[in-house]
Amino acid sequence: MYADYIVAYYLDHSPKLPFSFNEITYVHIVDKYVNNKSTYLLPTEIQYHKDNVNKLRPFLPGNIMPNIVTRDFNGQEHSLYKVKNKYTVLYFFSSTCESCKKNLDVLEDFYKNKSKDMDVEVFCIDLEEDEAVCKARQEAHPFPWIVTHSTTKALEQYGFNLDHTPEIYILD
């Protein structure tokens, strides 16, 4: 019963948080412990978690990231698959998100001091709804990497369900 309580508690709280490395654990728990014998969950809750896992599974380590194609503020198209560095930082952010701004400062310092040695490129997608705000931020403080704009709705075609920012992926 205690194990059922722990699993139920985790399932109740985890999907509501920005995952930040909990995806693997969440998928494992759902795959291993959530089934028709899970008396601590309603059938609708079981289906909810199974559906959530199926949306997350393509983005787990070891899988190939979809080829995201977005445009920068000059209208130039950028494709994730055209980035040929050893590593790519894929960063979803919002120009008005305070934690995103802090992360961008750290990312900028990293890019300036270590990206060449580590062969890293950064591919940012600004999800701020007001594109004029994004463009103004980029003009006021241009970054030396790829910065594009998109909407969460447009990124659904690639399988993303981006309900929060920031979100970051490190790709090789």
Protein backbone atom coordinates (compact mmCIF):
# COMPACT_ATOMS: atom_id res chain seq x y z
CA MET A 1 0.00 0.00 0.00
CA TYR A 2 2.85 2.38 0.77
CA ALA A 3 4.35 1.87 -2.69
CA ASP A 4 0.94 2.57 -4.26
CA TYR A 5 0.73 5.77 -2.22
CA ILE A 6 4.19 6.92 -3.38
CA VAL A 7 3.41 6.18 -7.04
CA ALA A 8 0.03 7.91 -6.78
CA TYR A 9 1.63 10.94 -5.11
CA TYR A 10 4.33 11.17 -7.78
CA LEU A 11 1.80 10.83 -10.58
CA ASP A 12 -0.42 13.47 -9.03
CA HIS A 13 2.35 16.06 -8.72
CA SER A 14 4.92 15.36 -11.41
CA PRO A 15 2.98 16.06 -14.64
CA LYS A 16 2.00 19.47 -13.30
CA LEU A 17 5.60 20.62 -12.85
CA PRO A 18 8.05 21.68 -15.50
CA PHE A 19 9.70 18.29 -15.75
CA SER A 20 13.36 19.24 -15.82
CA PHE A 21 14.84 15.76 -16.05
CA ASN A 22 11.86 13.95 -14.50
CA GLU A 23 10.57 12.69 -17.85
CA ILE A 24 12.53 9.43 -17.72
CA THR A 25 11.33 8.69 -14.18
CA TYR A 26 7.74 9.58 -15.03
CA VAL A 27 7.73 7.37 -18.15
CA HIS A 28 9.30 4.50 -16.19
CA ILE A 29 6.73 4.74 -13.39
CA VAL A 30 3.81 4.87 -15.79
CA ASP A 31 5.17 1.99 -17.90
CA LYS A 32 5.89 -0.20 -14.88
CA TYR A 33 3.19 0.65 -12.34
CA VAL A 34 0.20 2.19 -14.08
CA ASN A 35 -2.20 -0.41 -15.43
CA ASN A 36 -5.68 -1.81 -14.89
CA LYS A 37 -4.55 -3.22 -11.51
CA SER A 38 -3.71 0.28 -10.24
CA THR A 39 -6.54 0.50 -7.71
CA TYR A 40 -5.37 3.92 -6.55
CA LEU A 41 -6.19 5.47 -9.94
CA LEU A 42 -9.44 5.91 -11.81
CA PRO A 43 -9.54 4.54 -15.37
CA THR A 44 -9.55 8.12 -16.68
CA GLU A 45 -6.40 8.88 -14.67
CA ILE A 46 -4.70 5.76 -16.03
CA GLN A 47 -5.53 6.86 -19.57
CA TYR A 48 -4.34 10.41 -18.85
CA HIS A 49 -0.91 9.17 -17.74
CA LYS A 50 -0.62 6.69 -20.62
CA ASP A 51 -1.43 9.48 -23.09
CA ASN A 52 1.06 11.82 -21.42
CA VAL A 53 3.81 9.21 -21.66
CA ASN A 54 3.11 8.62 -25.33
CA LYS A 55 3.56 12.36 -25.96
CA LEU A 56 6.82 12.46 -23.98
CA ARG A 57 8.41 9.25 -25.25
CA PRO A 58 9.74 10.70 -28.55
CA PHE A 59 11.71 13.34 -26.62
CA LEU A 60 13.51 11.01 -24.24
CA PRO A 61 17.28 10.56 -24.53
CA GLY A 62 18.28 8.28 -27.38
CA ASN A 63 15.59 9.47 -29.76
CA ILE A 64 16.11 11.78 -32.72
CA MET A 65 14.67 15.25 -32.26
CA PRO A 66 12.23 16.26 -35.01
CA ASN A 67 13.53 18.72 -37.60
CA ILE A 68 12.10 21.99 -36.38
CA VAL A 69 11.90 24.70 -39.02
CA THR A 70 11.22 28.27 -37.89
CA ARG A 71 11.92 31.80 -39.09
CA ASP A 72 14.02 34.53 -37.55
CA PHE A 73 12.88 38.15 -37.31
CA ASN A 74 14.19 38.91 -40.80
CA GLY A 75 12.07 36.14 -42.29
CA GLN A 76 15.01 33.77 -42.86
CA GLU A 77 14.14 30.12 -42.38
CA HIS A 78 16.25 28.04 -39.96
CA SER A 79 16.21 24.26 -39.76
CA LEU A 80 17.43 22.37 -36.72
CA TYR A 81 18.90 19.67 -38.97
CA LYS A 82 21.08 22.22 -40.78
CA VAL A 83 23.02 22.86 -37.58
CA LYS A 84 26.13 20.72 -38.04
CA ASN A 85 27.94 21.23 -34.75
CA LYS A 86 28.75 18.28 -32.49
CA TYR A 87 26.20 19.55 -29.95
CA THR A 88 23.17 21.78 -30.23
CA VAL A 89 21.39 23.52 -27.40
CA LEU A 90 17.71 23.77 -28.32
CA TYR A 91 16.22 26.42 -26.05
CA PHE A 92 12.56 27.38 -25.90
CA PHE A 93 12.03 30.64 -24.06
CA SER A 94 9.83 33.70 -23.83
CA SER A 95 11.16 37.26 -24.03
CA THR A 96 9.05 38.29 -21.04
CA CYS A 97 9.86 35.26 -18.82
CA GLU A 98 12.16 36.30 -15.95
CA SER A 99 13.74 32.86 -15.43
CA CYS A 100 14.28 32.62 -19.19
CA LYS A 101 16.19 35.91 -19.11
CA LYS A 102 18.45 34.59 -16.34
CA ASN A 103 19.08 31.41 -18.32
CA LEU A 104 19.86 33.44 -21.43
CA ASP A 105 22.53 35.33 -19.47
CA VAL A 106 24.13 32.02 -18.43
CA LEU A 107 23.80 30.66 -21.96
CA GLU A 108 25.40 33.78 -23.39
CA ASP A 109 28.37 33.45 -21.02
CA PHE A 110 28.73 29.78 -21.92
CA TYR A 111 28.52 30.54 -25.63
CA LYS A 112 31.13 33.28 -25.40
CA ASN A 113 33.60 31.25 -23.34
CA LYS A 114 33.13 27.59 -24.24
CA SER A 115 31.00 26.97 -27.31
CA LYS A 116 33.89 26.94 -29.78
CA ASP A 117 35.99 24.53 -27.71
CA MET A 118 33.02 22.21 -27.23
CA ASP A 119 31.64 22.65 -30.80
CA VAL A 120 28.23 23.82 -29.59
CA GLU A 121 25.62 25.86 -31.44
CA VAL A 122 22.52 27.35 -29.85
CA PHE A 123 19.13 27.26 -31.55
CA CYS A 124 16.61 29.41 -29.66
CA ILE A 125 12.90 29.66 -30.26
CA ASP A 126 11.13 32.59 -28.65
CA LEU A 127 7.56 31.63 -27.76
CA GLU A 128 6.43 35.08 -26.65
CA GLU A 129 2.97 35.60 -28.14
CA ASP A 130 3.64 39.20 -29.16
CA GLU A 131 6.20 38.92 -31.95
CA ALA A 132 6.91 42.67 -31.76
CA VAL A 133 8.12 42.18 -28.17
CA CYS A 134 10.43 39.37 -29.37
CA LYS A 135 11.80 41.46 -32.19
CA ALA A 136 12.41 44.44 -29.90
CA ARG A 137 14.27 42.22 -27.41
CA GLN A 138 16.41 40.79 -30.20
CA GLU A 139 17.19 44.25 -31.58
CA ALA A 140 18.04 45.61 -28.13
CA HIS A 141 20.23 42.64 -27.26
CA PRO A 142 21.08 40.47 -30.27
CA PHE A 143 22.49 37.06 -29.49
CA PRO A 144 25.31 35.52 -31.55
CA TRP A 145 23.33 32.33 -32.22
CA ILE A 146 20.15 31.37 -34.03
CA VAL A 147 17.08 33.08 -32.56
CA THR A 148 13.71 32.42 -34.14
CA HIS A 149 10.08 32.93 -33.22
CA SER A 150 7.22 30.47 -33.17
CA THR A 151 4.04 29.67 -31.31
CA THR A 152 3.31 26.70 -29.11
CA LYS A 153 0.50 25.82 -31.52
CA ALA A 154 2.85 25.79 -34.54
CA LEU A 155 5.31 23.53 -32.67
CA GLU A 156 2.63 20.93 -32.00
CA GLN A 157 3.24 19.62 -35.54
CA TYR A 158 6.63 18.40 -34.27
CA GLY A 159 5.09 16.68 -31.25
CA PHE A 160 5.83 19.39 -28.69
CA ASN A 161 3.37 20.28 -25.97
CA LEU A 162 5.14 23.35 -24.60
CA ASP A 163 3.08 24.59 -21.70
CA HIS A 164 5.89 26.42 -19.92
CA THR A 165 9.19 28.15 -20.51
CA PRO A 166 12.07 27.80 -20.32
CA GLU A 167 12.58 24.36 -21.80
CA ILE A 168 15.99 23.17 -22.94
CA TYR A 169 17.33 20.17 -24.82
CA ILE A 170 20.96 19.26 -25.38
CA LEU A 171 21.33 17.40 -28.67
CA ASP A 172 24.27 15.51 -30.12
